[in-house]
């Protein structure tokens, strides 16, 4: 989706946005935020800038929104329905460390399940800014990542995890799994960004949807004015 690993999610070039900035400002459906740098509303969720502890990152997450490569399809909500077959279920993301051990970049392991496609990973490392080569906070690449099968639209290289600027009702940041896909017709990989929310005890019975407050913080369900910032009730992760 974007080449600069340190850039906010969905902060794309003008010719690769899903929507014209004027349309994004009037959008009522998708997550969005006002970006000060570009001076416009952008459909997407901003990458977190401040560091988080690895034990905060650990947990089981359920997908709730997908952001495909612009030109492939539009962003869309992911919903969980009862009695789905395993290959039809949206799936989940797990990030774990050995029991009774403090999580470190080296001992973190996990699983990605996405509509019947399964991958395992072991070890993570901070991503680097492609221009400055400096390490980036809240964006991690995998030391070892392997899909269970050779799926046509996935690859083992180029996948990563990001912590996002917006938090859920429990104060935990939403995360994004960035799924890399081969694109022989292009000069670069294309990405599917999948936003996820940490699962809580008892949530399986309540469902995995977003609360009204969470949707508001993500900028969903209302238009965003230019200059509207991130804050209680605004629903917009304001750009730097």
C-alpha atoms as a PDB file:
ATOM      1  CA  UNK A   1       0.000   0.000   0.000  1.00  0.00           C
ATOM      2  CA  UNK A   2       2.780   2.400   0.836  1.00  0.00           C
ATOM      3  CA  UNK A   3       6.506   2.058   0.389  1.00  0.00           C
ATOM      4  CA  UNK A   4       7.628   4.257   3.289  1.00  0.00           C
ATOM      5  CA  UNK A   5       7.307   2.050   6.353  1.00  0.00           C
ATOM      6  CA  UNK A   6       7.268   5.028   8.698  1.00  0.00           C
ATOM      7  CA  UNK A   7       4.406   6.847   6.991  1.00  0.00           C
ATOM      8  CA  UNK A   8       0.890   6.875   8.484  1.00  0.00           C
ATOM      9  CA  UNK A   9      -1.403   4.209   7.108  1.00  0.00           C
ATOM     10  CA  UNK A  10      -3.288   5.284   4.012  1.00  0.00           C
ATOM     11  CA  UNK A  11      -1.228   8.478   3.727  1.00  0.00           C
ATOM     12  CA  UNK A  12      -0.798   7.901   0.014  1.00  0.00           C
ATOM     13  CA  UNK A  13       0.166   9.893  -3.039  1.00  0.00           C
ATOM     14  CA  UNK A  14      -2.686  11.940  -4.477  1.00  0.00           C
ATOM     15  CA  UNK A  15      -3.054   9.636  -7.487  1.00  0.00           C
ATOM     16  CA  UNK A  16      -3.259   6.472  -5.364  1.00  0.00           C
ATOM     17  CA  UNK A  17      -5.969   7.434  -2.843  1.00  0.00           C
ATOM     18  CA  UNK A  18      -9.248   5.528  -2.801  1.00  0.00           C
ATOM     19  CA  UNK A  19     -11.140   8.824  -2.840  1.00  0.00           C
ATOM     20  CA  UNK A  20     -10.599  12.434  -3.736  1.00  0.00           C
ATOM     21  CA  UNK A  21      -9.837  14.418  -0.542  1.00  0.00           C
ATOM     22  CA  UNK A  22     -13.098  16.338  -0.919  1.00  0.00           C
ATOM     23  CA  UNK A  23     -15.009  13.055  -1.071  1.00  0.00           C
ATOM     24  CA  UNK A  24     -13.097  11.706   1.928  1.00  0.00           C
ATOM     25  CA  UNK A  25     -14.087  14.764   3.969  1.00  0.00           C
ATOM     26  CA  UNK A  26     -17.759  13.952   3.293  1.00  0.00           C
ATOM     27  CA  UNK A  27     -17.432  10.195   3.749  1.00  0.00           C
ATOM     28  CA  UNK A  28     -19.776   8.729   6.370  1.00  0.00           C
ATOM     29  CA  UNK A  29     -18.725   5.090   6.275  1.00  0.00           C
ATOM     30  CA  UNK A  30     -14.998   4.417   6.494  1.00  0.00           C
ATOM     31  CA  UNK A  31     -12.374   5.078   9.196  1.00  0.00           C
ATOM     32  CA  UNK A  32     -10.633   8.400   8.497  1.00  0.00           C
ATOM     33  CA  UNK A  33      -8.591  11.185  10.027  1.00  0.00           C
ATOM     34  CA  UNK A  34      -7.448  14.721   9.302  1.00  0.00           C
ATOM     35  CA  UNK A  35      -3.770  14.857   8.290  1.00  0.00           C
ATOM     36  CA  UNK A  36      -2.096  18.161   9.126  1.00  0.00           C
ATOM     37  CA  UNK A  37       0.865  17.467   6.833  1.00  0.00           C
ATOM     38  CA  UNK A  38      -1.365  17.087   3.771  1.00  0.00           C
ATOM     39  CA  UNK A  39      -4.099  19.421   5.030  1.00  0.00           C
ATOM     40  CA  UNK A  40      -6.858  16.988   4.150  1.00  0.00           C
ATOM     41  CA  UNK A  41      -9.035  14.165   5.394  1.00  0.00           C
ATOM     42  CA  UNK A  42      -7.639  10.728   4.589  1.00  0.00           C
ATOM     43  CA  UNK A  43      -9.575   7.462   4.604  1.00  0.00           C
ATOM     44  CA  UNK A  44      -7.609   5.064   6.798  1.00  0.00           C
ATOM     45  CA  UNK A  45      -6.195   4.734  10.324  1.00  0.00           C
ATOM     46  CA  UNK A  46      -3.048   6.537  11.342  1.00  0.00           C
ATOM     47  CA  UNK A  47       0.001   4.611  12.524  1.00  0.00           C
ATOM     48  CA  UNK A  48       0.906   5.172  16.167  1.00  0.00           C
ATOM     49  CA  UNK A  49       3.997   7.310  16.765  1.00  0.00           C
ATOM     50  CA  UNK A  50       4.676   6.787  20.486  1.00  0.00           C
ATOM     51  CA  UNK A  51       6.226   3.430  21.550  1.00  0.00           C
ATOM     52  CA  UNK A  52       4.206   0.756  23.354  1.00  0.00           C
ATOM     53  CA  UNK A  53       5.323  -2.102  25.586  1.00  0.00           C
ATOM     54  CA  UNK A  54       5.493  -5.528  23.976  1.00  0.00           C
ATOM     55  CA  UNK A  55       3.206  -7.026  26.619  1.00  0.00           C
ATOM     56  CA  UNK A  56       0.575  -4.546  25.455  1.00  0.00           C
ATOM     57  CA  UNK A  57       0.995  -5.852  21.914  1.00  0.00           C
ATOM     58  CA  UNK A  58       0.485  -9.502  22.955  1.00  0.00           C
ATOM     59  CA  UNK A  59      -2.998 -11.005  22.714  1.00  0.00           C
ATOM     60  CA  UNK A  60      -5.589 -12.386  20.315  1.00  0.00           C
ATOM     61  CA  UNK A  61      -7.063  -9.974  17.801  1.00  0.00           C
ATOM     62  CA  UNK A  62     -10.117 -10.129  15.537  1.00  0.00           C
ATOM     63  CA  UNK A  63     -10.196  -8.379  12.170  1.00  0.00           C
ATOM     64  CA  UNK A  64     -12.681  -5.552  11.700  1.00  0.00           C
ATOM     65  CA  UNK A  65     -11.649  -3.611   8.559  1.00  0.00           C
ATOM     66  CA  UNK A  66      -9.661  -4.168   5.374  1.00  0.00           C
ATOM     67  CA  UNK A  67      -7.818  -1.579   3.319  1.00  0.00           C
ATOM     68  CA  UNK A  68      -6.825  -3.098  -0.045  1.00  0.00           C
ATOM     69  CA  UNK A  69      -4.398  -1.538  -2.471  1.00  0.00           C
ATOM     70  CA  UNK A  70      -6.098   1.457  -4.145  1.00  0.00           C
ATOM     71  CA  UNK A  71      -7.347   0.388  -7.559  1.00  0.00           C
ATOM     72  CA  UNK A  72      -7.957  -3.200  -6.414  1.00  0.00           C
ATOM     73  CA  UNK A  73     -11.123  -2.595  -4.390  1.00  0.00           C
ATOM     74  CA  UNK A  74     -12.539  -0.224  -1.786  1.00  0.00           C
ATOM     75  CA  UNK A  75     -11.956  -0.511   1.973  1.00  0.00           C
ATOM     76  CA  UNK A  76     -14.593  -2.553   3.745  1.00  0.00           C
ATOM     77  CA  UNK A  77     -15.798  -3.779   7.128  1.00  0.00           C
ATOM     78  CA  UNK A  78     -15.228  -7.378   8.217  1.00  0.00           C
ATOM     79  CA  UNK A  79     -18.075  -9.024  10.116  1.00  0.00           C
ATOM     80  CA  UNK A  80     -18.238 -12.325  11.986  1.00  0.00           C
ATOM     81  CA  UNK A  81     -21.301 -14.510  11.457  1.00  0.00           C
ATOM     82  CA  UNK A  82     -22.319 -17.612  13.369  1.00  0.00           C
ATOM     83  CA  UNK A  83     -21.907 -21.150  12.000  1.00  0.00           C
ATOM     84  CA  UNK A  84     -19.361 -20.309   9.321  1.00  0.00           C
ATOM     85  CA  UNK A  85     -17.055 -23.016   8.001  1.00  0.00           C
ATOM     86  CA  UNK A  86     -13.363 -22.524   8.911  1.00  0.00           C
ATOM     87  CA  UNK A  87     -12.450 -21.410   5.391  1.00  0.00           C
ATOM     88  CA  UNK A  88     -15.257 -18.831   5.493  1.00  0.00           C
ATOM     89  CA  UNK A  89     -14.450 -17.368   8.913  1.00  0.00           C
ATOM     90  CA  UNK A  90     -12.580 -14.031   8.883  1.00  0.00           C
ATOM     91  CA  UNK A  91     -10.060 -15.527  11.311  1.00  0.00           C
ATOM     92  CA  UNK A  92      -7.755 -13.857  13.823  1.00  0.00           C
ATOM     93  CA  UNK A  93      -4.242 -12.744  14.735  1.00  0.00           C
ATOM     94  CA  UNK A  94      -2.423 -14.052  17.811  1.00  0.00           C
ATOM     95  CA  UNK A  95       0.738 -12.504  19.269  1.00  0.00           C
ATOM     96  CA  UNK A  96       2.218 -14.500  22.155  1.00  0.00           C
ATOM     97  CA  UNK A  97       5.379 -15.135  24.170  1.00  0.00           C
ATOM     98  CA  UNK A  98       6.479 -18.131  26.287  1.00  0.00           C
ATOM     99  CA  UNK A  99       4.458 -18.624  29.499  1.00  0.00           C
ATOM    100  CA  UNK A 100       5.843 -16.811  32.541  1.00  0.00           C
ATOM    101  CA  UNK A 101       8.376 -15.010  30.349  1.00  0.00           C
ATOM    102  CA  UNK A 102       8.731 -11.326  29.637  1.00  0.00           C
ATOM    103  CA  UNK A 103       7.965 -10.672  25.951  1.00  0.00           C
ATOM    104  CA  UNK A 104      10.964  -9.704  23.836  1.00  0.00           C
ATOM    105  CA  UNK A 105      11.424  -9.122  20.128  1.00  0.00           C
ATOM    106  CA  UNK A 106      13.087 -12.537  19.872  1.00  0.00           C
ATOM    107  CA  UNK A 107      10.605 -14.698  21.802  1.00  0.00           C
ATOM    108  CA  UNK A 108       7.362 -13.369  20.347  1.00  0.00           C
ATOM    109  CA  UNK A 109       5.520 -15.864  18.146  1.00  0.00           C
ATOM    110  CA  UNK A 110       2.089 -15.917  16.580  1.00  0.00           C
ATOM    111  CA  UNK A 111      -0.463 -17.063  14.059  1.00  0.00           C
ATOM    112  CA  UNK A 112      -2.336 -15.339  11.269  1.00  0.00           C
ATOM    113  CA  UNK A 113      -5.665 -16.816  10.151  1.00  0.00           C
ATOM    114  CA  UNK A 114      -7.387 -14.957   7.335  1.00  0.00           C
ATOM    115  CA  UNK A 115     -10.395 -16.558   5.634  1.00  0.00           C
ATOM    116  CA  UNK A 116      -8.920 -20.053   5.778  1.00  0.00           C
ATOM    117  CA  UNK A 117      -5.339 -19.024   5.028  1.00  0.00           C
ATOM    118  CA  UNK A 118      -2.908 -19.738   7.854  1.00  0.00           C
ATOM    119  CA  UNK A 119       0.589 -18.468   8.626  1.00  0.00           C
ATOM    120  CA  UNK A 120       2.973 -18.782  11.568  1.00  0.00           C
ATOM    121  CA  UNK A 121       5.660 -16.333  12.617  1.00  0.00           C
ATOM    122  CA  UNK A 122       8.535 -16.293  15.080  1.00  0.00           C
ATOM    123  CA  UNK A 123      10.436 -13.224  16.228  1.00  0.00           C
ATOM    124  CA  UNK A 124       9.809  -9.601  15.248  1.00  0.00           C
ATOM    125  CA  UNK A 125      12.075  -6.616  14.627  1.00  0.00           C
ATOM    126  CA  UNK A 126      11.509  -2.897  14.323  1.00  0.00           C
ATOM    127  CA  UNK A 127      11.040  -1.767  10.744  1.00  0.00           C
ATOM    128  CA  UNK A 128      13.352   0.804   9.178  1.00  0.00           C
ATOM    129  CA  UNK A 129      12.481   4.021   7.423  1.00  0.00           C
ATOM    130  CA  UNK A 130      13.356   3.452   3.784  1.00  0.00           C
ATOM    131  CA  UNK A 131      14.891   6.903   3.405  1.00  0.00           C
ATOM    132  CA  UNK A 132      16.717   7.556   6.674  1.00  0.00           C
ATOM    133  CA  UNK A 133      17.187   3.858   7.559  1.00  0.00           C
ATOM    134  CA  UNK A 134      16.371   4.757  11.165  1.00  0.00           C
ATOM    135  CA  UNK A 135      14.259   2.371  13.238  1.00  0.00           C
ATOM    136  CA  UNK A 136      10.526   3.092  13.373  1.00  0.00           C
ATOM    137  CA  UNK A 137       8.349   2.812  16.481  1.00  0.00           C
ATOM    138  CA  UNK A 138       5.177   0.713  16.380  1.00  0.00           C
ATOM    139  CA  UNK A 139       5.995  -1.045  13.099  1.00  0.00           C
ATOM    140  CA  UNK A 140       7.482  -4.526  13.248  1.00  0.00           C
ATOM    141  CA  UNK A 141       8.657  -6.892  10.553  1.00  0.00           C
ATOM    142  CA  UNK A 142       8.901 -10.645  11.095  1.00  0.00           C
ATOM    143  CA  UNK A 143      12.157 -12.514  11.615  1.00  0.00           C
ATOM    144  CA  UNK A 144      10.515 -15.697  10.350  1.00  0.00           C
ATOM    145  CA  UNK A 145       7.138 -15.793   8.620  1.00  0.00           C
ATOM    146  CA  UNK A 146       5.669 -18.711   6.670  1.00  0.00           C
ATOM    147  CA  UNK A 147       2.259 -19.320   5.120  1.00  0.00           C
ATOM    148  CA  UNK A 148       1.051 -22.890   5.608  1.00  0.00           C
ATOM    149  CA  UNK A 149       0.431 -23.315   1.894  1.00  0.00           C
ATOM    150  CA  UNK A 150       1.479 -21.577  -1.300  1.00  0.00           C
ATOM    151  CA  UNK A 151      -1.591 -19.358  -1.655  1.00  0.00           C
ATOM    152  CA  UNK A 152      -1.784 -17.449  -4.922  1.00  0.00           C
ATOM    153  CA  UNK A 153      -2.239 -14.008  -3.342  1.00  0.00           C
ATOM    154  CA  UNK A 154       0.240 -14.224  -0.457  1.00  0.00           C
ATOM    155  CA  UNK A 155       3.986 -14.372   0.039  1.00  0.00           C
ATOM    156  CA  UNK A 156       6.273 -14.987   3.013  1.00  0.00           C
ATOM    157  CA  UNK A 157       8.337 -11.799   2.610  1.00  0.00           C
ATOM    158  CA  UNK A 158       7.168  -8.245   3.203  1.00  0.00           C
ATOM    159  CA  UNK A 159       4.499  -8.845   5.873  1.00  0.00           C
ATOM    160  CA  UNK A 160       4.424  -6.778   9.067  1.00  0.00           C
ATOM    161  CA  UNK A 161       2.431  -5.591  12.105  1.00  0.00           C
ATOM    162  CA  UNK A 162       1.674  -2.019  13.135  1.00  0.00           C
ATOM    163  CA  UNK A 163       0.165  -0.445  16.255  1.00  0.00           C
ATOM    164  CA  UNK A 164      -2.387   2.252  15.442  1.00  0.00           C
ATOM    165  CA  UNK A 165      -3.060   5.685  16.893  1.00  0.00           C
ATOM    166  CA  UNK A 166      -6.636   4.911  17.946  1.00  0.00           C
ATOM    167  CA  UNK A 167      -7.395   2.715  20.983  1.00  0.00           C
ATOM    168  CA  UNK A 168     -10.350   0.482  21.857  1.00  0.00           C
ATOM    169  CA  UNK A 169     -12.676   0.978  24.828  1.00  0.00           C
ATOM    170  CA  UNK A 170     -10.175  -0.762  27.117  1.00  0.00           C
ATOM    171  CA  UNK A 171      -7.395   1.636  26.139  1.00  0.00           C
ATOM    172  CA  UNK A 172      -5.580  -0.943  24.000  1.00  0.00           C
ATOM    173  CA  UNK A 173      -4.346   0.259  20.603  1.00  0.00           C
ATOM    174  CA  UNK A 174      -5.878  -1.282  17.519  1.00  0.00           C
ATOM    175  CA  UNK A 175      -3.309  -3.087  15.369  1.00  0.00           C
ATOM    176  CA  UNK A 176      -2.882  -3.649  11.653  1.00  0.00           C
ATOM    177  CA  UNK A 177      -1.547  -6.720   9.890  1.00  0.00           C
ATOM    178  CA  UNK A 178       0.009  -5.688   6.598  1.00  0.00           C
ATOM    179  CA  UNK A 179      -0.292  -8.614   4.206  1.00  0.00           C
ATOM    180  CA  UNK A 180       2.074  -8.513   1.244  1.00  0.00           C
ATOM    181  CA  UNK A 181       0.985  -9.959  -2.080  1.00  0.00           C
ATOM    182  CA  UNK A 182       2.956 -10.622  -5.252  1.00  0.00           C
ATOM    183  CA  UNK A 183       2.196  -8.313  -8.153  1.00  0.00           C
ATOM    184  CA  UNK A 184       4.195  -9.453 -11.212  1.00  0.00           C
ATOM    185  CA  UNK A 185       2.605  -6.760 -13.369  1.00  0.00           C
ATOM    186  CA  UNK A 186       3.818  -3.998 -11.009  1.00  0.00           C
ATOM    187  CA  UNK A 187       7.282  -2.844 -10.012  1.00  0.00           C
ATOM    188  CA  UNK A 188       6.513  -3.337  -6.317  1.00  0.00           C
ATOM    189  CA  UNK A 189       4.452  -5.512  -3.990  1.00  0.00           C
ATOM    190  CA  UNK A 190       0.914  -4.532  -3.154  1.00  0.00           C
ATOM    191  CA  UNK A 191      -0.537  -4.739   0.322  1.00  0.00           C
ATOM    192  CA  UNK A 192      -3.763  -5.593   2.084  1.00  0.00           C
ATOM    193  CA  UNK A 193      -3.914  -3.760   5.432  1.00  0.00           C
ATOM    194  CA  UNK A 194      -6.197  -5.553   7.912  1.00  0.00           C
ATOM    195  CA  UNK A 195      -7.200  -3.691  11.091  1.00  0.00           C
ATOM    196  CA  UNK A 196      -7.807  -5.746  14.226  1.00  0.00           C
ATOM    197  CA  UNK A 197      -9.167  -5.317  17.751  1.00  0.00           C
ATOM    198  CA  UNK A 198      -7.910  -7.209  20.803  1.00  0.00           C
ATOM    199  CA  UNK A 199     -10.297  -9.897  22.015  1.00  0.00           C
ATOM    200  CA  UNK A 200     -11.498  -9.756  25.631  1.00  0.00           C
ATOM    201  CA  UNK A 201     -12.861 -12.505  27.936  1.00  0.00           C
ATOM    202  CA  UNK A 202     -16.533 -13.081  27.185  1.00  0.00           C
ATOM    203  CA  UNK A 203     -16.389 -11.217  23.896  1.00  0.00           C
ATOM    204  CA  UNK A 204     -17.010 -14.395  21.910  1.00  0.00           C
ATOM    205  CA  UNK A 205     -20.584 -14.419  23.192  1.00  0.00           C
ATOM    206  CA  UNK A 206     -21.061 -10.687  22.626  1.00  0.00           C
ATOM    207  CA  UNK A 207     -19.631 -10.651  19.121  1.00  0.00           C
ATOM    208  CA  UNK A 208     -16.536  -8.974  17.725  1.00  0.00           C
ATOM    209  CA  UNK A 209     -18.004  -5.763  16.398  1.00  0.00           C
ATOM    210  CA  UNK A 210     -16.906  -2.247  17.298  1.00  0.00           C
ATOM    211  CA  UNK A 211     -18.749  -0.203  19.897  1.00  0.00           C
ATOM    212  CA  UNK A 212     -20.323   3.113  18.961  1.00  0.00           C
ATOM    213  CA  UNK A 213     -17.556   4.909  20.861  1.00  0.00           C
ATOM    214  CA  UNK A 214     -14.832   2.987  19.022  1.00  0.00           C
ATOM    215  CA  UNK A 215     -16.446   3.740  15.668  1.00  0.00           C
ATOM    216  CA  UNK A 216     -16.540   7.398  16.624  1.00  0.00           C
ATOM    217  CA  UNK A 217     -12.842   7.475  17.520  1.00  0.00           C
ATOM    218  CA  UNK A 218     -12.064   5.849  14.172  1.00  0.00           C
ATOM    219  CA  UNK A 219     -14.009   8.515  12.311  1.00  0.00           C
ATOM    220  CA  UNK A 220     -16.765   6.136  11.202  1.00  0.00           C
ATOM    221  CA  UNK A 221     -20.415   7.130  10.991  1.00  0.00           C
ATOM    222  CA  UNK A 222     -19.896  10.820  10.304  1.00  0.00           C
ATOM    223  CA  UNK A 223     -18.140  13.360   8.132  1.00  0.00           C
ATOM    224  CA  UNK A 224     -14.861  14.949   9.241  1.00  0.00           C
ATOM    225  CA  UNK A 225     -14.203  18.656   8.797  1.00  0.00           C
ATOM    226  CA  UNK A 226     -10.844  20.016   7.753  1.00  0.00           C
ATOM    227  CA  UNK A 227      -8.849  20.847  10.849  1.00  0.00           C
ATOM    228  CA  UNK A 228     -10.892  18.596  13.121  1.00  0.00           C
ATOM    229  CA  UNK A 229      -8.443  16.989  15.500  1.00  0.00           C
ATOM    230  CA  UNK A 230      -8.138  13.794  17.447  1.00  0.00           C
ATOM    231  CA  UNK A 231      -9.888  13.969  20.790  1.00  0.00           C
ATOM    232  CA  UNK A 232     -12.811  12.713  22.832  1.00  0.00           C
ATOM    233  CA  UNK A 233     -15.739  12.254  20.517  1.00  0.00           C
ATOM    234  CA  UNK A 234     -14.024  13.558  17.400  1.00  0.00           C
ATOM    235  CA  UNK A 235     -13.147  10.103  16.129  1.00  0.00           C
ATOM    236  CA  UNK A 236     -10.177  11.343  14.162  1.00  0.00           C
ATOM    237  CA  UNK A 237      -6.557  10.384  14.648  1.00  0.00           C
ATOM    238  CA  UNK A 238      -5.011  13.724  13.818  1.00  0.00           C
ATOM    239  CA  UNK A 239      -1.852  13.752  11.735  1.00  0.00           C
ATOM    240  CA  UNK A 240       1.438  15.214  12.870  1.00  0.00           C
END
